[in-house]
Amino acid sequence: MPKAYLLAEVEVTDSAAYEKYTSAVVPIVAQYGGEYIVRGGQTASFEGETPKGRLVIIAFANMSAAQAFLMSDEYRPIADIRHKNAVSRIMIVEGVIP
């Protein structure tokens, strides 16, 4: 099975309130086997629109694991914090079969 990657573009609208999300989400990602590949950091755009915020990439064992994280009872209330304090685009993409 190929790994799956959760991709997020997050434009934070309230930095102070968003900090609650960033500290709470890390253990939940780990609980579902996720590993941060990219979490914010410097971005250089070469074609197309520049991202409207920070970029995040999280690797999961497979598509089911990534979906389980997003739909989990543990994550749902944390996602509400993100929804109230940021504008996000979230997607999951399958990697190549090793």
PDB file of N, CA and C in Angstrom:
ATOM      1  N   MET A   1       0.834  -1.193   0.000  1.00  0.00           N
ATOM      2  CA  MET A   1       0.000   0.000   0.000  1.00  0.00           C
ATOM      3  C   MET A   1       0.874   1.249   0.000  1.00  0.00           C
ATOM      4  N   PRO A   2       0.522   2.233  -0.790  1.00  0.00           N
ATOM      5  CA  PRO A   2       1.302   3.479  -0.779  1.00  0.00           C
ATOM      6  C   PRO A   2       0.974   4.324   0.449  1.00  0.00           C
ATOM      7  N   LYS A   3       1.953   5.116   0.870  1.00  0.00           N
ATOM      8  CA  LYS A   3       1.701   6.088   1.931  1.00  0.00           C
ATOM      9  C   LYS A   3       0.700   7.111   1.419  1.00  0.00           C
ATOM     10  N   ALA A   4       0.094   7.821   2.351  1.00  0.00           N
ATOM     11  CA  ALA A   4      -0.806   8.919   2.015  1.00  0.00           C
ATOM     12  C   ALA A   4      -0.290  10.180   2.691  1.00  0.00           C
ATOM     13  N   TYR A   5      -0.496  11.293   2.031  1.00  0.00           N
ATOM     14  CA  TYR A   5      -0.010  12.573   2.534  1.00  0.00           C
ATOM     15  C   TYR A   5      -1.167  13.539   2.686  1.00  0.00           C
ATOM     16  N   LEU A   6      -1.328  14.045   3.889  1.00  0.00           N
ATOM     17  CA  LEU A   6      -2.306  15.083   4.131  1.00  0.00           C
ATOM     18  C   LEU A   6      -1.620  16.402   3.805  1.00  0.00           C
ATOM     19  N   LEU A   7      -2.220  17.177   2.923  1.00  0.00           N
ATOM     20  CA  LEU A   7      -1.694  18.473   2.517  1.00  0.00           C
ATOM     21  C   LEU A   7      -2.643  19.549   3.025  1.00  0.00           C
ATOM     22  N   ALA A   8      -2.089  20.569   3.648  1.00  0.00           N
ATOM     23  CA  ALA A   8      -2.923  21.649   4.161  1.00  0.00           C
ATOM     24  C   ALA A   8      -2.293  22.991   3.834  1.00  0.00           C
ATOM     25  N   GLU A   9      -3.131  23.903   3.405  1.00  0.00           N
ATOM     26  CA  GLU A   9      -2.765  25.307   3.248  1.00  0.00           C
ATOM     27  C   GLU A   9      -3.613  26.054   4.264  1.00  0.00           C
ATOM     28  N   VAL A  10      -2.965  26.721   5.206  1.00  0.00           N
ATOM     29  CA  VAL A  10      -3.674  27.312   6.332  1.00  0.00           C
ATOM     30  C   VAL A  10      -3.331  28.798   6.449  1.00  0.00           C
ATOM     31  N   GLU A  11      -4.341  29.635   6.279  1.00  0.00           N
ATOM     32  CA  GLU A  11      -4.176  31.071   6.459  1.00  0.00           C
ATOM     33  C   GLU A  11      -4.755  31.425   7.832  1.00  0.00           C
ATOM     34  N   VAL A  12      -3.885  31.653   8.785  1.00  0.00           N
ATOM     35  CA  VAL A  12      -4.297  31.915  10.165  1.00  0.00           C
ATOM     36  C   VAL A  12      -4.863  33.324  10.267  1.00  0.00           C
ATOM     37  N   THR A  13      -6.040  33.433  10.904  1.00  0.00           N
ATOM     38  CA  THR A  13      -6.676  34.739  11.081  1.00  0.00           C
ATOM     39  C   THR A  13      -6.552  35.256  12.514  1.00  0.00           C
ATOM     40  N   ASP A  14      -6.305  34.374  13.475  1.00  0.00           N
ATOM     41  CA  ASP A  14      -6.100  34.764  14.872  1.00  0.00           C
ATOM     42  C   ASP A  14      -4.976  33.907  15.436  1.00  0.00           C
ATOM     43  N   SER A  15      -3.769  34.444  15.423  1.00  0.00           N
ATOM     44  CA  SER A  15      -2.575  33.683  15.815  1.00  0.00           C
ATOM     45  C   SER A  15      -2.634  33.185  17.249  1.00  0.00           C
ATOM     46  N   ALA A  16      -3.071  34.015  18.158  1.00  0.00           N
ATOM     47  CA  ALA A  16      -3.105  33.623  19.569  1.00  0.00           C
ATOM     48  C   ALA A  16      -4.054  32.445  19.785  1.00  0.00           C
ATOM     49  N   ALA A  17      -5.238  32.521  19.221  1.00  0.00           N
ATOM     50  CA  ALA A  17      -6.210  31.432  19.372  1.00  0.00           C
ATOM     51  C   ALA A  17      -5.765  30.181  18.615  1.00  0.00           C
ATOM     52  N   TYR A  18      -5.087  30.365  17.491  1.00  0.00           N
ATOM     53  CA  TYR A  18      -4.634  29.234  16.674  1.00  0.00           C
ATOM     54  C   TYR A  18      -3.569  28.412  17.392  1.00  0.00           C
ATOM     55  N   GLU A  19      -2.825  29.021  18.308  1.00  0.00           N
ATOM     56  CA  GLU A  19      -1.801  28.302  19.074  1.00  0.00           C
ATOM     57  C   GLU A  19      -2.404  27.114  19.832  1.00  0.00           C
ATOM     58  N   LYS A  20      -3.653  27.246  20.276  1.00  0.00           N
ATOM     59  CA  LYS A  20      -4.326  26.137  20.964  1.00  0.00           C
ATOM     60  C   LYS A  20      -4.449  24.942  20.027  1.00  0.00           C
ATOM     61  N   TYR A  21      -4.718  25.212  18.754  1.00  0.00           N
ATOM     62  CA  TYR A  21      -4.825  24.147  17.764  1.00  0.00           C
ATOM     63  C   TYR A  21      -3.467  23.463  17.562  1.00  0.00           C
ATOM     64  N   THR A  22      -2.424  24.253  17.335  1.00  0.00           N
ATOM     65  CA  THR A  22      -1.120  23.668  17.003  1.00  0.00           C
ATOM     66  C   THR A  22      -0.576  22.803  18.130  1.00  0.00           C
ATOM     67  N   SER A  23      -0.804  23.197  19.367  1.00  0.00           N
ATOM     68  CA  SER A  23      -0.302  22.376  20.472  1.00  0.00           C
ATOM     69  C   SER A  23      -1.159  21.130  20.692  1.00  0.00           C
ATOM     70  N   ALA A  24      -2.449  21.214  20.433  1.00  0.00           N
ATOM     71  CA  ALA A  24      -3.346  20.079  20.663  1.00  0.00           C
ATOM     72  C   ALA A  24      -3.297  19.041  19.551  1.00  0.00           C
ATOM     73  N   VAL A  25      -2.974  19.441  18.318  1.00  0.00           N
ATOM     74  CA  VAL A  25      -3.060  18.518  17.188  1.00  0.00           C
ATOM     75  C   VAL A  25      -1.883  17.546  17.123  1.00  0.00           C
ATOM     76  N   VAL A  26      -0.719  17.947  17.595  1.00  0.00           N
ATOM     77  CA  VAL A  26       0.488  17.121  17.461  1.00  0.00           C
ATOM     78  C   VAL A  26       0.320  15.716  18.057  1.00  0.00           C
ATOM     79  N   PRO A  27      -0.153  15.573  19.298  1.00  0.00           N
ATOM     80  CA  PRO A  27      -0.302  14.207  19.823  1.00  0.00           C
ATOM     81  C   PRO A  27      -1.369  13.380  19.102  1.00  0.00           C
ATOM     82  N   ILE A  28      -2.369  14.041  18.555  1.00  0.00           N
ATOM     83  CA  ILE A  28      -3.410  13.300  17.825  1.00  0.00           C
ATOM     84  C   ILE A  28      -2.843  12.789  16.501  1.00  0.00           C
ATOM     85  N   VAL A  29      -2.060  13.609  15.815  1.00  0.00           N
ATOM     86  CA  VAL A  29      -1.388  13.163  14.589  1.00  0.00           C
ATOM     87  C   VAL A  29      -0.545  11.940  14.897  1.00  0.00           C
ATOM     88  N   ALA A  30       0.232  11.988  15.967  1.00  0.00           N
ATOM     89  CA  ALA A  30       1.095  10.856  16.348  1.00  0.00           C
ATOM     90  C   ALA A  30       0.267   9.622  16.693  1.00  0.00           C
ATOM     91  N   GLN A  31      -0.851   9.817  17.367  1.00  0.00           N
ATOM     92  CA  GLN A  31      -1.726   8.700  17.740  1.00  0.00           C
ATOM     93  C   GLN A  31      -2.191   7.919  16.510  1.00  0.00           C
ATOM     94  N   TYR A  32      -2.381   8.614  15.385  1.00  0.00           N
ATOM     95  CA  TYR A  32      -2.828   7.971  14.151  1.00  0.00           C
ATOM     96  C   TYR A  32      -1.669   7.630  13.219  1.00  0.00           C
ATOM     97  N   GLY A  33      -0.459   7.665  13.750  1.00  0.00           N
ATOM     98  CA  GLY A  33       0.711   7.254  12.976  1.00  0.00           C
ATOM     99  C   GLY A  33       1.224   8.300  12.011  1.00  0.00           C
ATOM    100  N   GLY A  34       0.766   9.530  12.147  1.00  0.00           N
ATOM    101  CA  GLY A  34       1.205  10.585  11.247  1.00  0.00           C
ATOM    102  C   GLY A  34       2.579  11.111  11.610  1.00  0.00           C
ATOM    103  N   GLU A  35       3.295  11.552  10.593  1.00  0.00           N
ATOM    104  CA  GLU A  35       4.630  12.134  10.776  1.00  0.00           C
ATOM    105  C   GLU A  35       4.694  13.434   9.977  1.00  0.00           C
ATOM    106  N   TYR A  36       4.997  14.529  10.664  1.00  0.00           N
ATOM    107  CA  TYR A  36       5.108  15.811   9.982  1.00  0.00           C
ATOM    108  C   TYR A  36       6.305  15.798   9.042  1.00  0.00           C
ATOM    109  N   ILE A  37       6.071  16.178   7.793  1.00  0.00           N
ATOM    110  CA  ILE A  37       7.124  16.333   6.789  1.00  0.00           C
ATOM    111  C   ILE A  37       7.414  17.824   6.631  1.00  0.00           C
ATOM    112  N   VAL A  38       6.348  18.621   6.582  1.00  0.00           N
ATOM    113  CA  VAL A  38       6.439  20.078   6.482  1.00  0.00           C
ATOM    114  C   VAL A  38       5.450  20.650   7.481  1.00  0.00           C
ATOM    115  N   ARG A  39       5.905  21.654   8.235  1.00  0.00           N
ATOM    116  CA  ARG A  39       4.998  22.311   9.186  1.00  0.00           C
ATOM    117  C   ARG A  39       5.373  23.784   9.244  1.00  0.00           C
ATOM    118  N   GLY A  40       4.786  24.552   8.325  1.00  0.00           N
ATOM    119  CA  GLY A  40       5.132  25.967   8.236  1.00  0.00           C
ATOM    120  C   GLY A  40       6.459  26.116   7.512  1.00  0.00           C
ATOM    121  N   GLY A  41       7.269  27.008   7.957  1.00  0.00           N
ATOM    122  CA  GLY A  41       8.575  27.199   7.340  1.00  0.00           C
ATOM    123  C   GLY A  41       8.518  28.117   6.132  1.00  0.00           C
ATOM    124  N   GLN A  42       9.674  28.394   5.621  1.00  0.00           N
ATOM    125  CA  GLN A  42       9.815  29.308   4.485  1.00  0.00           C
ATOM    126  C   GLN A  42       9.276  28.662   3.209  1.00  0.00           C
ATOM    127  N   THR A  43       8.595  29.457   2.395  1.00  0.00           N
ATOM    128  CA  THR A  43       8.045  28.994   1.120  1.00  0.00           C
ATOM    129  C   THR A  43       8.549  29.902   0.004  1.00  0.00           C
ATOM    130  N   ALA A  44       8.938  29.313  -1.111  1.00  0.00           N
ATOM    131  CA  ALA A  44       9.330  30.068  -2.296  1.00  0.00           C
ATOM    132  C   ALA A  44       8.445  29.614  -3.449  1.00  0.00           C
ATOM    133  N   SER A  45       7.687  30.532  -4.010  1.00  0.00           N
ATOM    134  CA  SER A  45       6.798  30.195  -5.126  1.00  0.00           C
ATOM    135  C   SER A  45       7.492  30.508  -6.442  1.00  0.00           C
ATOM    136  N   PHE A  46       7.351  29.595  -7.406  1.00  0.00           N
ATOM    137  CA  PHE A  46       7.965  29.782  -8.710  1.00  0.00           C
ATOM    138  C   PHE A  46       6.944  29.869  -9.834  1.00  0.00           C
ATOM    139  N   GLU A  47       5.785  29.262  -9.670  1.00  0.00           N
ATOM    140  CA  GLU A  47       4.718  29.345 -10.664  1.00  0.00           C
ATOM    141  C   GLU A  47       3.390  29.385  -9.936  1.00  0.00           C
ATOM    142  N   GLY A  48       2.436  30.058 -10.522  1.00  0.00           N
ATOM    143  CA  GLY A  48       1.104  30.110  -9.937  1.00  0.00           C
ATOM    144  C   GLY A  48       1.044  31.025  -8.729  1.00  0.00           C
ATOM    145  N   GLU A  49      -0.090  30.959  -8.041  1.00  0.00           N
ATOM    146  CA  GLU A  49      -0.315  31.815  -6.890  1.00  0.00           C
ATOM    147  C   GLU A  49       0.527  31.381  -5.699  1.00  0.00           C
ATOM    148  N   THR A  50       0.974  32.352  -4.946  1.00  0.00           N
ATOM    149  CA  THR A  50       1.671  32.073  -3.697  1.00  0.00           C
ATOM    150  C   THR A  50       0.655  31.554  -2.690  1.00  0.00           C
ATOM    151  N   PRO A  51       1.004  30.539  -1.896  1.00  0.00           N
ATOM    152  CA  PRO A  51       0.061  30.065  -0.866  1.00  0.00           C
ATOM    153  C   PRO A  51      -0.361  31.210   0.049  1.00  0.00           C
ATOM    154  N   LYS A  52      -1.596  31.152   0.505  1.00  0.00           N
ATOM    155  CA  LYS A  52      -2.144  32.233   1.325  1.00  0.00           C
ATOM    156  C   LYS A  52      -1.852  32.038   2.806  1.00  0.00           C
ATOM    157  N   GLY A  53      -0.957  31.162   3.121  1.00  0.00           N
ATOM    158  CA  GLY A  53      -0.631  30.935   4.526  1.00  0.00           C
ATOM    159  C   GLY A  53       0.442  29.885   4.642  1.00  0.00           C
ATOM    160  N   ARG A  54       0.458  29.222   5.769  1.00  0.00           N
ATOM    161  CA  ARG A  54       1.451  28.185   6.022  1.00  0.00           C
ATOM    162  C   ARG A  54       1.051  26.878   5.342  1.00  0.00           C
ATOM    163  N   LEU A  55       2.038  26.104   4.966  1.00  0.00           N
ATOM    164  CA  LEU A  55       1.802  24.793   4.353  1.00  0.00           C
ATOM    165  C   LEU A  55       2.182  23.707   5.346  1.00  0.00           C
ATOM    166  N   VAL A  56       1.404  22.637   5.345  1.00  0.00           N
ATOM    167  CA  VAL A  56       1.652  21.500   6.218  1.00  0.00           C
ATOM    168  C   VAL A  56       1.518  20.236   5.378  1.00  0.00           C
ATOM    169  N   ILE A  57       2.458  19.302   5.549  1.00  0.00           N
ATOM    170  CA  ILE A  57       2.376  17.981   4.922  1.00  0.00           C
ATOM    171  C   ILE A  57       2.619  16.960   6.024  1.00  0.00           C
ATOM    172  N   ILE A  58       1.684  16.020   6.157  1.00  0.00           N
ATOM    173  CA  ILE A  58       1.794  14.961   7.151  1.00  0.00           C
ATOM    174  C   ILE A  58       1.714  13.626   6.423  1.00  0.00           C
ATOM    175  N   ALA A  59       2.682  12.754   6.659  1.00  0.00           N
ATOM    176  CA  ALA A  59       2.695  11.418   6.054  1.00  0.00           C
ATOM    177  C   ALA A  59       1.966  10.437   6.968  1.00  0.00           C
ATOM    178  N   PHE A  60       1.141   9.591   6.364  1.00  0.00           N
ATOM    179  CA  PHE A  60       0.449   8.511   7.072  1.00  0.00           C
ATOM    180  C   PHE A  60       0.754   7.202   6.358  1.00  0.00           C
ATOM    181  N   ALA A  61       0.561   6.095   7.035  1.00  0.00           N
ATOM    182  CA  ALA A  61       0.866   4.780   6.474  1.00  0.00           C
ATOM    183  C   ALA A  61       0.095   4.510   5.193  1.00  0.00           C
ATOM    184  N   ASN A  62      -1.140   5.003   5.119  1.00  0.00           N
ATOM    185  CA  ASN A  62      -1.987   4.784   3.943  1.00  0.00           C
ATOM    186  C   ASN A  62      -3.173   5.750   3.987  1.00  0.00           C
ATOM    187  N   MET A  63      -3.988   5.711   2.965  1.00  0.00           N
ATOM    188  CA  MET A  63      -5.142   6.604   2.839  1.00  0.00           C
ATOM    189  C   MET A  63      -6.121   6.400   4.002  1.00  0.00           C
ATOM    190  N   SER A  64      -6.340   5.162   4.397  1.00  0.00           N
ATOM    191  CA  SER A  64      -7.274   4.883   5.496  1.00  0.00           C
ATOM    192  C   SER A  64      -6.823   5.517   6.796  1.00  0.00           C
ATOM    193  N   ALA A  65      -5.528   5.479   7.079  1.00  0.00           N
ATOM    194  CA  ALA A  65      -5.004   6.072   8.317  1.00  0.00           C
ATOM    195  C   ALA A  65      -5.177   7.585   8.305  1.00  0.00           C
ATOM    196  N   ALA A  66      -4.920   8.211   7.168  1.00  0.00           N
ATOM    197  CA  ALA A  66      -5.078   9.665   7.065  1.00  0.00           C
ATOM    198  C   ALA A  66      -6.547  10.061   7.241  1.00  0.00           C
ATOM    199  N   GLN A  67      -7.442   9.309   6.624  1.00  0.00           N
ATOM    200  CA  GLN A  67      -8.870   9.601   6.752  1.00  0.00           C
ATOM    201  C   GLN A  67      -9.347   9.356   8.177  1.00  0.00           C
ATOM    202  N   ALA A  68      -8.835   8.301   8.811  1.00  0.00           N
ATOM    203  CA  ALA A  68      -9.213   8.005  10.194  1.00  0.00           C
ATOM    204  C   ALA A  68      -8.823   9.162  11.114  1.00  0.00           C
ATOM    205  N   PHE A  69      -7.652   9.738  10.892  1.00  0.00           N
ATOM    206  CA  PHE A  69      -7.228  10.900  11.671  1.00  0.00           C
ATOM    207  C   PHE A  69      -8.213  12.049  11.488  1.00  0.00           C
ATOM    208  N   LEU A  70      -8.503  12.415  10.245  1.00  0.00           N
ATOM    209  CA  LEU A  70      -9.380  13.560   9.984  1.00  0.00           C
ATOM    210  C   LEU A  70     -10.793  13.376  10.529  1.00  0.00           C
ATOM    211  N   MET A  71     -11.270  12.146  10.538  1.00  0.00           N
ATOM    212  CA  MET A  71     -12.644  11.861  10.966  1.00  0.00           C
ATOM    213  C   MET A  71     -12.748  11.450  12.434  1.00  0.00           C
ATOM    214  N   SER A  72     -11.631  11.419  13.135  1.00  0.00           N
ATOM    215  CA  SER A  72     -11.614  10.875  14.499  1.00  0.00           C
ATOM    216  C   SER A  72     -12.339  11.766  15.503  1.00  0.00           C
ATOM    217  N   ASP A  73     -12.846  11.114  16.546  1.00  0.00           N
ATOM    218  CA  ASP A  73     -13.488  11.834  17.645  1.00  0.00           C
ATOM    219  C   ASP A  73     -12.487  12.733  18.364  1.00  0.00           C
ATOM    220  N   GLU A  74     -11.221  12.329  18.384  1.00  0.00           N
ATOM    221  CA  GLU A  74     -10.189  13.127  19.045  1.00  0.00           C
ATOM    222  C   GLU A  74      -9.901  14.417  18.271  1.00  0.00           C
ATOM    223  N   TYR A  75      -9.899  14.332  16.940  1.00  0.00           N
ATOM    224  CA  TYR A  75      -9.524  15.474  16.127  1.00  0.00           C
ATOM    225  C   TYR A  75     -10.672  16.462  15.909  1.00  0.00           C
ATOM    226  N   ARG A  76     -11.891  15.979  15.852  1.00  0.00           N
ATOM    227  CA  ARG A  76     -13.031  16.832  15.495  1.00  0.00           C
ATOM    228  C   ARG A  76     -13.109  18.116  16.331  1.00  0.00           C
ATOM    229  N   PRO A  77     -13.015  18.059  17.673  1.00  0.00           N
ATOM    230  CA  PRO A  77     -13.094  19.318  18.426  1.00  0.00           C
ATOM    231  C   PRO A  77     -11.874  20.223  18.217  1.00  0.00           C
ATOM    232  N   ILE A  78     -10.729  19.626  17.910  1.00  0.00           N
ATOM    233  CA  ILE A  78      -9.531  20.415  17.628  1.00  0.00           C
ATOM    234  C   ILE A  78      -9.683  21.106  16.264  1.00  0.00           C
ATOM    235  N   ALA A  79     -10.261  20.403  15.305  1.00  0.00           N
ATOM    236  CA  ALA A  79     -10.511  20.991  13.982  1.00  0.00           C
ATOM    237  C   ALA A  79     -11.417  22.212  14.103  1.00  0.00           C
ATOM    238  N   ASP A  80     -12.348  22.191  15.039  1.00  0.00           N
ATOM    239  CA  ASP A  80     -13.226  23.340  15.238  1.00  0.00           C
ATOM    240  C   ASP A  80     -12.432  24.591  15.620  1.00  0.00           C
ATOM    241  N   ILE A  81     -11.360  24.420  16.393  1.00  0.00           N
ATOM    242  CA  ILE A  81     -10.495  25.554  16.741  1.00  0.00           C
ATOM    243  C   ILE A  81      -9.872  26.127  15.468  1.00  0.00           C
ATOM    244  N   ARG A  82      -9.390  25.226  14.593  1.00  0.00           N
ATOM    245  CA  ARG A  82      -8.805  25.671  13.322  1.00  0.00           C
ATOM    246  C   ARG A  82      -9.847  26.388  12.476  1.00  0.00           C
ATOM    247  N   HIS A  83     -11.035  25.831  12.388  1.00  0.00           N
ATOM    248  CA  HIS A  83     -12.098  26.440  11.573  1.00  0.00           C
ATOM    249  C   HIS A  83     -12.422  27.855  12.032  1.00  0.00           C
ATOM    250  N   LYS A  84     -12.369  28.108  13.337  1.00  0.00           N
ATOM    251  CA  LYS A  84     -12.714  29.421  13.877  1.00  0.00           C
ATOM    252  C   LYS A  84     -11.582  30.443  13.738  1.00  0.00           C
ATOM    253  N   ASN A  85     -10.351  29.962  13.551  1.00  0.00           N
ATOM    254  CA  ASN A  85      -9.200  30.858  13.604  1.00  0.00           C
ATOM    255  C   ASN A  85      -8.301  30.814  12.377  1.00  0.00           C
ATOM    256  N   ALA A  86      -8.787  30.172  11.316  1.00  0.00           N
ATOM    257  CA  ALA A  86      -8.004  30.079  10.085  1.00  0.00           C
ATOM    258  C   ALA A  86      -8.913  29.718   8.926  1.00  0.00           C
ATOM    259  N   VAL A  87      -8.424  29.991   7.726  1.00  0.00           N
ATOM    260  CA  VAL A  87      -9.079  29.547   6.496  1.00  0.00           C
ATOM    261  C   VAL A  87      -8.166  28.478   5.918  1.00  0.00           C
ATOM    262  N   SER A  88      -8.710  27.291   5.679  1.00  0.00           N
ATOM    263  CA  SER A  88      -7.865  26.158   5.303  1.00  0.00           C
ATOM    264  C   SER A  88      -8.347  25.449   4.053  1.00  0.00           C
ATOM    265  N   ARG A  89      -7.383  24.836   3.386  1.00  0.00           N
ATOM    266  CA  ARG A  89      -7.669  23.844   2.340  1.00  0.00           C
ATOM    267  C   ARG A  89      -6.939  22.585   2.779  1.00  0.00           C
ATOM    268  N   ILE A  90      -7.679  21.470   2.899  1.00  0.00           N
ATOM    269  CA  ILE A  90      -7.110  20.211   3.360  1.00  0.00           C
ATOM    270  C   ILE A  90      -7.406  19.153   2.307  1.00  0.00           C
ATOM    271  N   MET A  91      -6.412  18.375   1.955  1.00  0.00           N
ATOM    272  CA  MET A  91      -6.613  17.260   1.028  1.00  0.00           C
ATOM    273  C   MET A  91      -5.678  16.116   1.396  1.00  0.00           C
ATOM    274  N   ILE A  92      -5.997  14.938   0.908  1.00  0.00           N
ATOM    275  CA  ILE A  92      -5.153  13.768   1.089  1.00  0.00           C
ATOM    276  C   ILE A  92      -4.804  13.234  -0.289  1.00  0.00           C
ATOM    277  N   VAL A  93      -3.542  12.900  -0.485  1.00  0.00           N
ATOM    278  CA  VAL A  93      -3.105  12.357  -1.767  1.00  0.00           C
ATOM    279  C   VAL A  93      -2.279  11.099  -1.500  1.00  0.00           C
ATOM    280  N   GLU A  94      -2.497  10.091  -2.327  1.00  0.00           N
ATOM    281  CA  GLU A  94      -1.697   8.862  -2.216  1.00  0.00           C
ATOM    282  C   GLU A  94      -0.341   9.065  -2.841  1.00  0.00           C
ATOM    283  N   GLY A  95       0.670   8.500  -2.192  1.00  0.00           N
ATOM    284  CA  GLY A  95       2.016   8.520  -2.749  1.00  0.00           C
ATOM    285  C   GLY A  95       2.189   7.387  -3.759  1.00  0.00           C
ATOM    286  N   VAL A  96       3.402   7.222  -4.214  1.00  0.00           N
ATOM    287  CA  VAL A  96       3.699   6.148  -5.161  1.00  0.00           C
ATOM    288  C   VAL A  96       3.943   4.862  -4.381  1.00  0.00           C
ATOM    289  N   ILE A  97       3.685   3.743  -5.007  1.00  0.00           N
ATOM    290  CA  ILE A  97       3.925   2.444  -4.372  1.00  0.00           C
ATOM    291  C   ILE A  97       5.439   2.226  -4.368  1.00  0.00           C
ATOM    292  N   PRO A  98       5.991   1.923  -3.176  1.00  0.00           N
ATOM    293  CA  PRO A  98       7.459   1.758  -3.108  1.00  0.00           C
ATOM    294  C   PRO A  98       7.964   0.590  -3.937  1.00  0.00           C
TER     295      PRO A  98
END
